N, C-alpha and C. Protein backbone atom coordinates (compact mmCIF):
# COMPACT_ATOMS: atom_id res chain seq x y z
N MET A 1 85.94 88.62 107.59
CA MET A 1 87.16 88.79 108.35
C MET A 1 87.48 90.27 108.49
N THR A 2 87.84 90.67 109.69
CA THR A 2 88.13 92.07 109.98
C THR A 2 89.58 92.40 109.62
N TYR A 3 89.76 93.52 108.95
CA TYR A 3 91.09 94.04 108.60
C TYR A 3 91.49 94.96 109.73
N ARG A 4 92.65 94.73 110.33
CA ARG A 4 93.07 95.49 111.51
C ARG A 4 94.27 96.38 111.21
N VAL A 5 94.12 97.67 111.55
CA VAL A 5 95.16 98.68 111.35
C VAL A 5 95.54 99.25 112.71
N CYS A 6 96.85 99.32 112.99
CA CYS A 6 97.33 99.91 114.24
C CYS A 6 98.30 101.04 113.91
N PHE A 7 98.06 102.21 114.50
CA PHE A 7 98.92 103.38 114.34
C PHE A 7 99.87 103.45 115.52
N VAL A 8 101.15 103.73 115.25
CA VAL A 8 102.15 103.71 116.32
C VAL A 8 103.02 104.97 116.28
N CYS A 9 103.15 105.62 117.45
CA CYS A 9 104.10 106.71 117.64
C CYS A 9 104.91 106.39 118.89
N THR A 10 105.50 107.37 119.52
CA THR A 10 106.39 107.12 120.66
C THR A 10 105.64 106.76 121.93
N GLY A 11 104.81 107.67 122.42
CA GLY A 11 104.14 107.46 123.70
C GLY A 11 102.67 107.16 123.62
N ASN A 12 102.10 107.21 122.42
CA ASN A 12 100.68 106.94 122.18
C ASN A 12 99.77 107.95 122.88
N ILE A 13 100.21 109.23 122.88
CA ILE A 13 99.33 110.26 123.44
C ILE A 13 99.12 111.44 122.50
N CYS A 14 99.86 111.50 121.39
CA CYS A 14 99.72 112.64 120.46
C CYS A 14 99.38 112.16 119.04
N ARG A 15 100.40 111.75 118.31
CA ARG A 15 100.24 111.45 116.89
C ARG A 15 99.41 110.20 116.61
N SER A 16 99.73 109.10 117.26
CA SER A 16 99.00 107.86 116.93
C SER A 16 97.53 107.89 117.35
N PRO A 17 97.17 108.46 118.52
CA PRO A 17 95.73 108.53 118.80
C PRO A 17 95.00 109.47 117.83
N MET A 18 95.72 110.49 117.36
CA MET A 18 95.12 111.40 116.39
C MET A 18 94.86 110.64 115.08
N ALA A 19 95.86 109.88 114.63
CA ALA A 19 95.70 109.10 113.40
C ALA A 19 94.60 108.05 113.55
N GLU A 20 94.56 107.41 114.71
CA GLU A 20 93.52 106.41 114.97
C GLU A 20 92.13 107.02 114.87
N SER A 21 91.93 108.16 115.51
CA SER A 21 90.61 108.80 115.52
C SER A 21 90.20 109.27 114.13
N VAL A 22 91.12 109.90 113.41
CA VAL A 22 90.81 110.38 112.06
C VAL A 22 90.51 109.20 111.14
N PHE A 23 91.35 108.17 111.18
CA PHE A 23 91.14 107.04 110.28
C PHE A 23 89.85 106.29 110.62
N ARG A 24 89.54 106.16 111.89
CA ARG A 24 88.29 105.50 112.28
C ARG A 24 87.08 106.26 111.69
N ALA A 25 87.16 107.59 111.71
CA ALA A 25 86.09 108.39 111.12
C ALA A 25 86.00 108.18 109.61
N ARG A 26 87.15 108.10 108.93
CA ARG A 26 87.16 107.86 107.48
C ARG A 26 86.58 106.49 107.15
N VAL A 27 86.93 105.50 107.96
CA VAL A 27 86.42 104.14 107.76
C VAL A 27 84.90 104.13 107.91
N ALA A 28 84.38 104.82 108.92
CA ALA A 28 82.93 104.90 109.13
C ALA A 28 82.24 105.62 107.97
N GLU A 29 82.83 106.75 107.54
CA GLU A 29 82.26 107.50 106.42
C GLU A 29 82.20 106.66 105.15
N ALA A 30 83.16 105.76 104.98
CA ALA A 30 83.24 104.91 103.79
C ALA A 30 82.35 103.68 103.90
N GLY A 31 81.69 103.51 105.05
CA GLY A 31 80.84 102.35 105.25
C GLY A 31 81.61 101.06 105.48
N LEU A 32 82.86 101.18 105.94
CA LEU A 32 83.70 100.00 106.17
C LEU A 32 83.87 99.67 107.65
N ASP A 33 83.13 100.37 108.53
CA ASP A 33 83.36 100.19 109.95
C ASP A 33 83.10 98.78 110.46
N GLY A 34 82.35 97.97 109.76
CA GLY A 34 82.16 96.58 110.14
C GLY A 34 83.27 95.69 109.62
N LEU A 35 84.09 96.22 108.71
CA LEU A 35 85.14 95.42 108.07
C LEU A 35 86.56 95.82 108.49
N VAL A 36 86.73 97.04 108.99
CA VAL A 36 88.05 97.56 109.34
C VAL A 36 88.04 98.01 110.80
N GLU A 37 89.01 97.53 111.56
CA GLU A 37 89.16 97.91 112.96
C GLU A 37 90.45 98.71 113.12
N THR A 38 90.40 99.76 113.91
CA THR A 38 91.52 100.68 114.05
C THR A 38 91.89 100.83 115.53
N ASP A 39 93.20 100.78 115.81
CA ASP A 39 93.67 101.06 117.15
C ASP A 39 95.02 101.76 117.08
N SER A 40 95.64 102.00 118.24
CA SER A 40 96.95 102.65 118.24
C SER A 40 97.73 102.23 119.48
N ALA A 41 99.04 102.51 119.42
CA ALA A 41 99.93 102.17 120.52
C ALA A 41 101.19 103.01 120.41
N GLY A 42 102.05 102.89 121.42
CA GLY A 42 103.33 103.58 121.43
C GLY A 42 104.47 102.58 121.40
N THR A 43 105.63 103.04 120.98
CA THR A 43 106.81 102.18 121.00
C THR A 43 107.31 101.98 122.43
N GLY A 44 106.95 102.90 123.33
CA GLY A 44 107.36 102.80 124.72
C GLY A 44 106.16 102.80 125.65
N SER A 45 106.43 102.56 126.92
CA SER A 45 105.35 102.42 127.91
C SER A 45 105.19 103.64 128.81
N TRP A 46 105.88 104.74 128.52
CA TRP A 46 105.89 105.92 129.39
C TRP A 46 104.51 106.40 129.80
N HIS A 47 103.56 106.38 128.88
CA HIS A 47 102.24 106.96 129.15
C HIS A 47 101.14 105.91 129.25
N GLU A 48 101.52 104.65 129.33
CA GLU A 48 100.53 103.57 129.35
C GLU A 48 99.47 103.83 130.41
N GLY A 49 98.21 103.74 130.01
CA GLY A 49 97.09 103.97 130.90
C GLY A 49 96.60 105.41 130.94
N ASP A 50 97.39 106.35 130.40
CA ASP A 50 97.00 107.76 130.37
C ASP A 50 96.07 108.03 129.19
N GLY A 51 95.34 109.12 129.30
CA GLY A 51 94.55 109.59 128.17
C GLY A 51 95.47 110.31 127.18
N ALA A 52 94.91 110.69 126.07
CA ALA A 52 95.68 111.45 125.08
C ALA A 52 96.04 112.82 125.67
N ASP A 53 97.10 113.41 125.14
CA ASP A 53 97.51 114.76 125.53
C ASP A 53 96.29 115.69 125.37
N PRO A 54 96.02 116.57 126.34
CA PRO A 54 94.86 117.46 126.24
C PRO A 54 94.83 118.28 124.95
N ARG A 55 96.00 118.62 124.42
CA ARG A 55 96.03 119.38 123.16
C ARG A 55 95.57 118.50 121.99
N THR A 56 95.92 117.22 122.03
CA THR A 56 95.44 116.28 121.01
C THR A 56 93.92 116.20 121.07
N VAL A 57 93.40 116.01 122.28
CA VAL A 57 91.96 115.88 122.48
C VAL A 57 91.23 117.12 121.99
N SER A 58 91.71 118.31 122.36
CA SER A 58 91.00 119.53 121.97
C SER A 58 91.03 119.75 120.46
N VAL A 59 92.17 119.48 119.82
CA VAL A 59 92.25 119.64 118.36
C VAL A 59 91.33 118.63 117.68
N LEU A 60 91.34 117.40 118.13
CA LEU A 60 90.46 116.39 117.54
C LEU A 60 88.99 116.80 117.68
N GLU A 61 88.59 117.12 118.90
CA GLU A 61 87.18 117.44 119.14
C GLU A 61 86.73 118.70 118.42
N GLU A 62 87.61 119.70 118.31
CA GLU A 62 87.26 120.92 117.58
C GLU A 62 87.06 120.66 116.09
N HIS A 63 87.63 119.58 115.59
CA HIS A 63 87.48 119.23 114.18
C HIS A 63 86.49 118.09 113.97
N GLY A 64 85.72 117.76 115.01
CA GLY A 64 84.65 116.78 114.89
C GLY A 64 85.05 115.32 115.07
N TYR A 65 86.22 115.08 115.63
CA TYR A 65 86.69 113.71 115.86
C TYR A 65 86.56 113.34 117.33
N ASP A 66 86.55 112.05 117.60
CA ASP A 66 86.49 111.53 118.96
C ASP A 66 87.84 111.68 119.63
N GLY A 67 87.86 112.23 120.84
CA GLY A 67 89.11 112.41 121.57
C GLY A 67 89.36 111.39 122.66
N ALA A 68 88.43 110.44 122.85
CA ALA A 68 88.59 109.42 123.89
C ALA A 68 89.74 108.49 123.53
N HIS A 69 90.61 108.19 124.52
CA HIS A 69 91.78 107.36 124.24
C HIS A 69 92.45 106.93 125.53
N THR A 70 93.04 105.74 125.52
CA THR A 70 93.89 105.26 126.61
C THR A 70 95.17 104.73 126.00
N ALA A 71 96.31 105.29 126.41
CA ALA A 71 97.61 104.93 125.84
C ALA A 71 98.02 103.51 126.26
N ARG A 72 98.76 102.86 125.34
CA ARG A 72 99.32 101.54 125.62
C ARG A 72 100.56 101.34 124.76
N GLN A 73 101.32 100.32 125.08
CA GLN A 73 102.56 100.03 124.35
C GLN A 73 102.31 98.90 123.36
N PHE A 74 102.89 99.05 122.16
CA PHE A 74 102.79 98.02 121.13
C PHE A 74 103.56 96.77 121.58
N GLN A 75 102.98 95.62 121.36
CA GLN A 75 103.59 94.34 121.72
C GLN A 75 103.90 93.53 120.46
N ALA A 76 105.02 92.84 120.45
CA ALA A 76 105.42 92.04 119.29
C ALA A 76 104.35 91.02 118.92
N SER A 77 103.64 90.50 119.90
CA SER A 77 102.59 89.50 119.63
C SER A 77 101.45 90.07 118.79
N TRP A 78 101.32 91.39 118.74
CA TRP A 78 100.23 92.01 117.98
C TRP A 78 100.42 91.88 116.47
N PHE A 79 101.64 91.63 116.03
CA PHE A 79 101.86 91.46 114.59
C PHE A 79 100.96 90.36 114.03
N ALA A 80 100.71 89.34 114.82
CA ALA A 80 99.94 88.18 114.36
C ALA A 80 98.50 88.54 113.98
N ASP A 81 97.93 89.54 114.66
CA ASP A 81 96.53 89.86 114.34
C ASP A 81 96.31 91.26 113.79
N ARG A 82 97.37 91.92 113.35
CA ARG A 82 97.25 93.20 112.67
C ARG A 82 97.64 93.00 111.20
N ASP A 83 96.84 93.57 110.32
CA ASP A 83 97.14 93.47 108.89
C ASP A 83 98.09 94.56 108.43
N LEU A 84 98.04 95.71 109.11
CA LEU A 84 98.86 96.86 108.74
C LEU A 84 99.22 97.61 110.02
N ILE A 85 100.50 97.94 110.16
CA ILE A 85 100.97 98.74 111.28
C ILE A 85 101.53 100.02 110.68
N VAL A 86 100.96 101.15 111.08
CA VAL A 86 101.29 102.43 110.47
C VAL A 86 102.11 103.27 111.44
N ALA A 87 103.38 103.47 111.08
CA ALA A 87 104.31 104.26 111.90
C ALA A 87 104.17 105.73 111.54
N LEU A 88 104.35 106.59 112.55
CA LEU A 88 104.21 108.02 112.32
C LEU A 88 105.52 108.70 111.95
N ASP A 89 106.66 108.05 112.21
CA ASP A 89 107.93 108.60 111.71
C ASP A 89 108.93 107.47 111.49
N ALA A 90 110.06 107.81 110.91
CA ALA A 90 111.07 106.80 110.55
C ALA A 90 111.63 106.07 111.76
N GLY A 91 111.73 106.74 112.90
CA GLY A 91 112.19 106.08 114.12
C GLY A 91 111.25 104.98 114.56
N HIS A 92 109.95 105.26 114.47
CA HIS A 92 108.95 104.24 114.82
C HIS A 92 109.01 103.08 113.83
N LEU A 93 109.18 103.42 112.56
CA LEU A 93 109.27 102.40 111.52
C LEU A 93 110.41 101.43 111.83
N LYS A 94 111.59 101.96 112.14
CA LYS A 94 112.74 101.13 112.45
C LYS A 94 112.50 100.29 113.70
N ALA A 95 111.97 100.91 114.75
CA ALA A 95 111.72 100.19 116.00
C ALA A 95 110.73 99.04 115.79
N LEU A 96 109.69 99.30 115.03
CA LEU A 96 108.68 98.26 114.78
C LEU A 96 109.23 97.14 113.92
N ARG A 97 109.99 97.48 112.91
CA ARG A 97 110.57 96.43 112.06
C ARG A 97 111.57 95.57 112.84
N ARG A 98 112.31 96.17 113.78
CA ARG A 98 113.21 95.39 114.63
C ARG A 98 112.43 94.47 115.56
N LEU A 99 111.28 94.91 116.00
CA LEU A 99 110.43 94.16 116.92
C LEU A 99 109.70 93.01 116.22
N ALA A 100 109.52 93.13 114.92
CA ALA A 100 108.75 92.14 114.15
C ALA A 100 109.38 90.75 114.25
N PRO A 101 108.57 89.74 114.57
CA PRO A 101 109.09 88.38 114.70
C PRO A 101 109.57 87.76 113.39
N THR A 102 108.98 88.19 112.26
CA THR A 102 109.35 87.63 110.96
C THR A 102 109.48 88.74 109.92
N GLY A 103 110.07 88.41 108.80
CA GLY A 103 110.15 89.36 107.69
C GLY A 103 108.77 89.73 107.17
N GLN A 104 107.87 88.77 107.18
CA GLN A 104 106.49 89.03 106.73
C GLN A 104 105.82 90.05 107.67
N ASP A 105 106.09 89.92 108.96
CA ASP A 105 105.54 90.89 109.92
C ASP A 105 106.16 92.27 109.70
N ALA A 106 107.47 92.32 109.48
CA ALA A 106 108.15 93.60 109.24
C ALA A 106 107.58 94.31 108.01
N ALA A 107 107.17 93.54 107.03
CA ALA A 107 106.61 94.11 105.80
C ALA A 107 105.24 94.75 106.02
N LYS A 108 104.61 94.47 107.15
CA LYS A 108 103.31 95.07 107.47
C LYS A 108 103.45 96.53 107.93
N VAL A 109 104.67 96.95 108.24
CA VAL A 109 104.90 98.29 108.80
C VAL A 109 105.15 99.29 107.68
N ARG A 110 104.36 100.36 107.70
CA ARG A 110 104.49 101.42 106.69
C ARG A 110 104.43 102.78 107.37
N LEU A 111 104.98 103.78 106.72
CA LEU A 111 104.89 105.15 107.22
C LEU A 111 103.57 105.78 106.78
N LEU A 112 102.90 106.47 107.68
CA LEU A 112 101.61 107.08 107.37
C LEU A 112 101.68 108.00 106.16
N ARG A 113 102.68 108.88 106.14
CA ARG A 113 102.73 109.87 105.06
C ARG A 113 103.11 109.27 103.71
N SER A 114 103.48 107.99 103.68
CA SER A 114 103.72 107.34 102.39
C SER A 114 102.42 107.21 101.61
N TYR A 115 101.30 107.41 102.28
CA TYR A 115 99.99 107.36 101.62
C TYR A 115 99.53 108.73 101.13
N ASP A 116 100.36 109.75 101.33
CA ASP A 116 100.03 111.10 100.88
C ASP A 116 100.98 111.48 99.74
N PRO A 117 100.48 111.48 98.49
CA PRO A 117 101.36 111.79 97.36
C PRO A 117 101.99 113.18 97.44
N ALA A 118 101.37 114.11 98.15
CA ALA A 118 101.90 115.47 98.26
C ALA A 118 103.02 115.57 99.29
N ALA A 119 103.27 114.50 100.06
CA ALA A 119 104.28 114.54 101.12
C ALA A 119 105.70 114.60 100.58
N GLY A 120 105.91 114.14 99.37
CA GLY A 120 107.26 114.15 98.81
C GLY A 120 108.17 113.19 99.55
N ASP A 121 109.39 113.65 99.84
CA ASP A 121 110.36 112.80 100.54
C ASP A 121 110.29 112.91 102.06
N ASP A 122 109.58 113.89 102.56
CA ASP A 122 109.49 114.10 104.00
C ASP A 122 108.30 113.33 104.54
N LEU A 123 108.54 112.09 105.00
CA LEU A 123 107.45 111.21 105.39
C LEU A 123 107.20 111.16 106.89
N ASP A 124 107.95 111.92 107.68
CA ASP A 124 107.73 111.95 109.12
C ASP A 124 106.63 112.93 109.49
N VAL A 125 105.79 112.53 110.46
CA VAL A 125 104.86 113.46 111.09
C VAL A 125 105.61 113.97 112.33
N PRO A 126 105.96 115.25 112.38
CA PRO A 126 106.72 115.78 113.51
C PRO A 126 105.98 115.60 114.84
N ASP A 127 106.73 115.34 115.88
CA ASP A 127 106.17 115.17 117.22
C ASP A 127 105.78 116.55 117.76
N PRO A 128 104.50 116.80 118.03
CA PRO A 128 104.07 118.12 118.51
C PRO A 128 104.21 118.29 120.02
N TYR A 129 104.57 117.25 120.74
CA TYR A 129 104.52 117.22 122.21
C TYR A 129 105.22 118.41 122.89
N TYR A 130 106.41 118.75 122.43
CA TYR A 130 107.19 119.79 123.10
C TYR A 130 106.93 121.19 122.56
N GLY A 131 106.00 121.31 121.65
CA GLY A 131 105.70 122.61 121.07
C GLY A 131 104.33 123.12 121.49
N GLY A 132 103.85 124.09 120.75
CA GLY A 132 102.56 124.69 121.03
C GLY A 132 101.43 124.00 120.27
N ARG A 133 100.27 124.56 120.43
CA ARG A 133 99.06 124.01 119.82
C ARG A 133 99.15 123.95 118.30
N ASP A 134 99.89 124.90 117.69
CA ASP A 134 99.99 124.90 116.23
C ASP A 134 100.61 123.60 115.71
N GLY A 135 101.49 122.97 116.47
CA GLY A 135 102.08 121.70 116.07
C GLY A 135 101.04 120.58 116.02
N PHE A 136 100.05 120.65 116.90
CA PHE A 136 98.97 119.66 116.91
C PHE A 136 98.04 119.87 115.72
N GLU A 137 97.81 121.14 115.38
CA GLU A 137 97.00 121.45 114.19
C GLU A 137 97.72 120.94 112.93
N GLU A 138 99.04 121.17 112.86
CA GLU A 138 99.83 120.71 111.72
C GLU A 138 99.80 119.18 111.64
N CYS A 139 99.91 118.54 112.78
CA CYS A 139 99.85 117.08 112.83
C CYS A 139 98.51 116.59 112.28
N LEU A 140 97.43 117.21 112.70
CA LEU A 140 96.11 116.82 112.21
C LEU A 140 96.02 116.98 110.69
N GLU A 141 96.53 118.08 110.17
CA GLU A 141 96.50 118.30 108.72
C GLU A 141 97.25 117.18 107.98
N MET A 142 98.41 116.79 108.48
CA MET A 142 99.19 115.72 107.85
C MET A 142 98.45 114.38 107.93
N VAL A 143 97.87 114.12 109.08
CA VAL A 143 97.12 112.87 109.27
C VAL A 143 95.91 112.83 108.32
N GLU A 144 95.18 113.92 108.25
CA GLU A 144 94.02 113.96 107.36
C GLU A 144 94.43 113.77 105.90
N ALA A 145 95.51 114.41 105.49
CA ALA A 145 95.97 114.31 104.10
C ALA A 145 96.36 112.87 103.75
N ALA A 146 97.00 112.19 104.66
CA ALA A 146 97.43 110.81 104.40
C ALA A 146 96.29 109.80 104.53
N SER A 147 95.27 110.15 105.29
CA SER A 147 94.18 109.20 105.56
C SER A 147 93.40 108.81 104.31
N GLU A 148 93.29 109.73 103.36
CA GLU A 148 92.55 109.40 102.14
C GLU A 148 93.25 108.30 101.35
N GLY A 149 94.56 108.44 101.17
CA GLY A 149 95.33 107.42 100.46
C GLY A 149 95.38 106.11 101.22
N LEU A 150 95.49 106.20 102.55
CA LEU A 150 95.48 105.00 103.38
C LEU A 150 94.14 104.28 103.26
N LEU A 151 93.06 105.04 103.29
CA LEU A 151 91.74 104.42 103.15
C LEU A 151 91.62 103.71 101.81
N ALA A 152 92.10 104.31 100.75
CA ALA A 152 92.04 103.68 99.43
C ALA A 152 92.83 102.37 99.42
N ALA A 153 94.01 102.36 100.05
CA ALA A 153 94.83 101.14 100.11
C ALA A 153 94.16 100.06 100.94
N VAL A 154 93.60 100.44 102.07
CA VAL A 154 92.92 99.48 102.93
C VAL A 154 91.67 98.94 102.24
N ARG A 155 90.91 99.82 101.58
CA ARG A 155 89.72 99.38 100.86
C ARG A 155 90.10 98.35 99.79
N ALA A 156 91.19 98.60 99.07
CA ALA A 156 91.64 97.66 98.03
C ALA A 156 92.02 96.32 98.66
N ASP A 157 92.69 96.35 99.82
CA ASP A 157 93.04 95.10 100.51
C ASP A 157 91.80 94.36 100.98
N VAL A 158 90.85 95.10 101.57
CA VAL A 158 89.63 94.48 102.08
C VAL A 158 88.81 93.88 100.93
N GLU A 159 88.66 94.64 99.86
CA GLU A 159 87.87 94.14 98.72
C GLU A 159 88.60 93.01 98.02
N GLY A 160 89.93 93.05 97.98
CA GLY A 160 90.71 91.97 97.38
C GLY A 160 90.65 90.69 98.18
N SER A 161 90.56 90.81 99.52
CA SER A 161 90.51 89.61 100.36
C SER A 161 89.13 89.00 100.41
N SER A 162 88.10 89.74 99.98
CA SER A 162 86.75 89.19 100.01
C SER A 162 86.35 88.53 98.70
N GLU A 163 87.24 88.56 97.72
CA GLU A 163 86.91 87.95 96.44
C GLU A 163 87.12 86.45 96.48
């Protein structure tokens, strides 16, 4: 059985595609790519059908990640086939939990930086969209830092479900 993780930000062109690409690479490096599937979406439909922001793509590709992406909006029906929904900030967390059809579905939603012990109390990944390239680099650093802890949690879930 495939374990499915979906990353969610506002428009699905900056933070969530970055998290999707980085986590997909971590999953492959860990040899879990046949067991874990990764995707992303936005809380809104503003950019649906668009590629990722060019700054997202360039930062990802310069660091060895895949920049290919098509934006889409998260749908409430997706809760049924996602094991974990990873929000990039507290606003996304609230929006997703409100959208969840059941309490069990709402419990699937977690903040990405909650998987980074060094994050402290600041669990939001800032939106780099209105800033310069340095914000995209900072976003990548936060995503990479949290991805290790997220991978460990997902691995534990996958190995626990296969017993």
